[in-house]
């Protein structure tokens, strides 16, 4: 079942982000993928996405923890749209931990070999519509 496979991929990615295992993380991204780093900033291509994840980890003092919440997966035409809650835990700079939940959107493409790869990673989801960008 594709939905279960995609769910497992997302769980593996979240574990890899938390563990700072960027080699494992990149195995789940397409070469032509895009990552919304923050509103107005998109990293394109695996090399740039890897660099962005390293910078994000550094920014959160290597203490970013990512977890999944509710998840819906819609499939069609060899693609899957994932709409889910992404729970983030990170330091607030004053010794405490901030917990926040985003309603993320992701797009996966099924490759000719049957593997699902992430092509669009948008942890901000539709909140991008509310963000002011330059």
Protein backbone atom coordinates (compact mmCIF):
# COMPACT_ATOMS: atom_id res chain seq x y z
CA UNK A 1 0.00 0.00 0.00
CA UNK A 2 1.50 3.33 -1.13
CA UNK A 3 0.11 5.39 1.74
CA UNK A 4 1.81 3.17 4.30
CA UNK A 5 5.09 3.32 2.35
CA UNK A 6 4.97 7.11 2.16
CA UNK A 7 4.13 7.34 5.87
CA UNK A 8 7.19 5.18 6.64
CA UNK A 9 9.38 7.38 4.43
CA UNK A 10 8.23 10.51 6.26
CA UNK A 11 8.86 8.87 9.64
CA UNK A 12 12.36 7.87 8.46
CA UNK A 13 13.02 11.43 7.29
CA UNK A 14 11.89 12.88 10.61
CA UNK A 15 14.18 10.47 12.48
CA UNK A 16 17.07 11.39 10.16
CA UNK A 17 16.52 15.14 10.70
CA UNK A 18 16.44 14.66 14.47
CA UNK A 19 19.58 12.48 14.35
CA UNK A 20 21.35 14.85 11.91
CA UNK A 21 21.76 11.88 9.53
CA UNK A 22 21.68 13.91 6.35
CA UNK A 23 22.99 11.06 4.15
CA UNK A 24 19.96 8.92 5.01
CA UNK A 25 17.65 11.91 4.66
CA UNK A 26 18.81 12.70 1.13
CA UNK A 27 18.02 9.14 -0.02
CA UNK A 28 14.34 10.13 0.09
CA UNK A 29 14.60 13.28 -2.07
CA UNK A 30 14.47 13.51 -5.87
CA UNK A 31 17.42 15.19 -7.60
CA UNK A 32 15.07 18.00 -8.72
CA UNK A 33 13.31 18.43 -5.36
CA UNK A 34 12.48 21.75 -3.70
CA UNK A 35 12.51 22.55 0.04
CA UNK A 36 10.79 25.59 1.55
CA UNK A 37 13.47 26.71 4.01
CA UNK A 38 11.32 29.62 5.20
CA UNK A 39 8.76 31.85 3.52
CA UNK A 40 10.44 33.44 0.53
CA UNK A 41 13.41 31.04 0.53
CA UNK A 42 13.39 27.78 -1.42
CA UNK A 43 16.34 25.38 -1.79
CA UNK A 44 16.34 23.47 -5.08
CA UNK A 45 18.23 20.27 -5.82
CA UNK A 46 19.56 17.67 -3.41
CA UNK A 47 22.89 19.40 -2.78
CA UNK A 48 21.21 22.66 -1.78
CA UNK A 49 18.57 20.85 0.25
CA UNK A 50 21.27 19.02 2.19
CA UNK A 51 23.07 22.31 2.89
CA UNK A 52 19.78 23.86 4.01
CA UNK A 53 19.07 21.02 6.45
CA UNK A 54 22.57 21.36 7.91
CA UNK A 55 22.05 25.12 8.32
CA UNK A 56 18.63 24.54 9.93
CA UNK A 57 20.16 22.03 12.35
CA UNK A 58 22.95 24.50 13.20
CA UNK A 59 20.41 27.29 13.71
CA UNK A 60 18.55 25.15 16.25
CA UNK A 61 21.81 24.21 18.00
CA UNK A 62 21.54 20.59 16.76
CA UNK A 63 18.49 20.16 19.02
CA UNK A 64 15.63 20.17 16.51
CA UNK A 65 13.24 17.26 17.01
CA UNK A 66 10.64 16.53 14.32
CA UNK A 67 7.56 14.33 14.78
CA UNK A 68 4.43 13.55 12.79
CA UNK A 69 0.87 14.21 13.79
CA UNK A 70 -2.25 13.56 11.75
CA UNK A 71 -1.58 12.70 8.11
CA UNK A 72 -3.68 12.43 4.95
CA UNK A 73 -2.22 11.10 1.69
CA UNK A 74 -3.90 11.67 -1.67
CA UNK A 75 -2.56 9.76 -4.68
CA UNK A 76 -3.03 10.36 -8.39
CA UNK A 77 -1.02 10.20 -11.59
CA UNK A 78 2.06 8.71 -9.97
CA UNK A 79 2.17 11.51 -7.38
CA UNK A 80 1.12 11.75 -3.77
CA UNK A 81 0.11 14.89 -1.90
CA UNK A 82 0.71 14.63 1.82
CA UNK A 83 -1.12 16.98 4.15
CA UNK A 84 -0.03 16.55 7.73
CA UNK A 85 0.76 17.99 11.09
CA UNK A 86 4.48 18.41 11.65
CA UNK A 87 5.42 18.83 15.30
CA UNK A 88 8.66 20.67 15.97
CA UNK A 89 10.57 20.88 19.26
CA UNK A 90 13.52 23.28 19.44
CA UNK A 91 15.41 25.47 21.92
CA UNK A 92 14.10 29.00 22.48
CA UNK A 93 17.53 30.46 23.21
CA UNK A 94 16.75 30.86 26.91
CA UNK A 95 17.14 27.28 28.06
CA UNK A 96 13.57 26.22 27.38
CA UNK A 97 12.07 24.11 24.59
CA UNK A 98 9.48 25.47 22.19
CA UNK A 99 6.90 23.10 20.75
CA UNK A 100 4.99 24.13 17.66
CA UNK A 101 2.77 22.37 15.13
CA UNK A 102 2.65 23.24 11.44
CA UNK A 103 0.19 21.97 8.84
CA UNK A 104 2.71 20.84 6.26
CA UNK A 105 2.32 19.83 2.63
CA UNK A 106 4.62 17.47 0.76
CA UNK A 107 4.60 16.04 -2.75
CA UNK A 108 6.06 12.63 -3.57
CA UNK A 109 6.64 11.16 -7.02
CA UNK A 110 6.72 7.46 -7.75
CA UNK A 111 9.79 6.66 -9.83
CA UNK A 112 9.87 4.03 -12.60
CA UNK A 113 11.50 1.59 -10.15
CA UNK A 114 8.52 1.96 -7.77
CA UNK A 115 10.34 4.11 -5.18
CA UNK A 116 8.62 7.17 -3.81
CA UNK A 117 10.80 10.30 -3.61
CA UNK A 118 9.96 13.68 -2.14
CA UNK A 119 9.82 16.41 -4.80
CA UNK A 120 8.36 19.26 -2.72
CA UNK A 121 8.95 19.66 1.02
CA UNK A 122 6.89 22.49 2.50
CA UNK A 123 6.68 22.31 6.28
CA UNK A 124 4.86 25.66 6.26
CA UNK A 125 1.93 24.34 4.23
CA UNK A 126 -0.71 26.91 3.34
CA UNK A 127 0.70 29.32 5.95
CA UNK A 128 2.94 30.47 3.07
CA UNK A 129 -0.13 32.36 1.83
CA UNK A 130 -0.07 34.42 5.03
CA UNK A 131 3.66 35.13 4.96
CA UNK A 132 5.06 38.33 3.57
CA UNK A 133 7.74 37.57 1.02
CA UNK A 134 10.05 39.88 -0.82
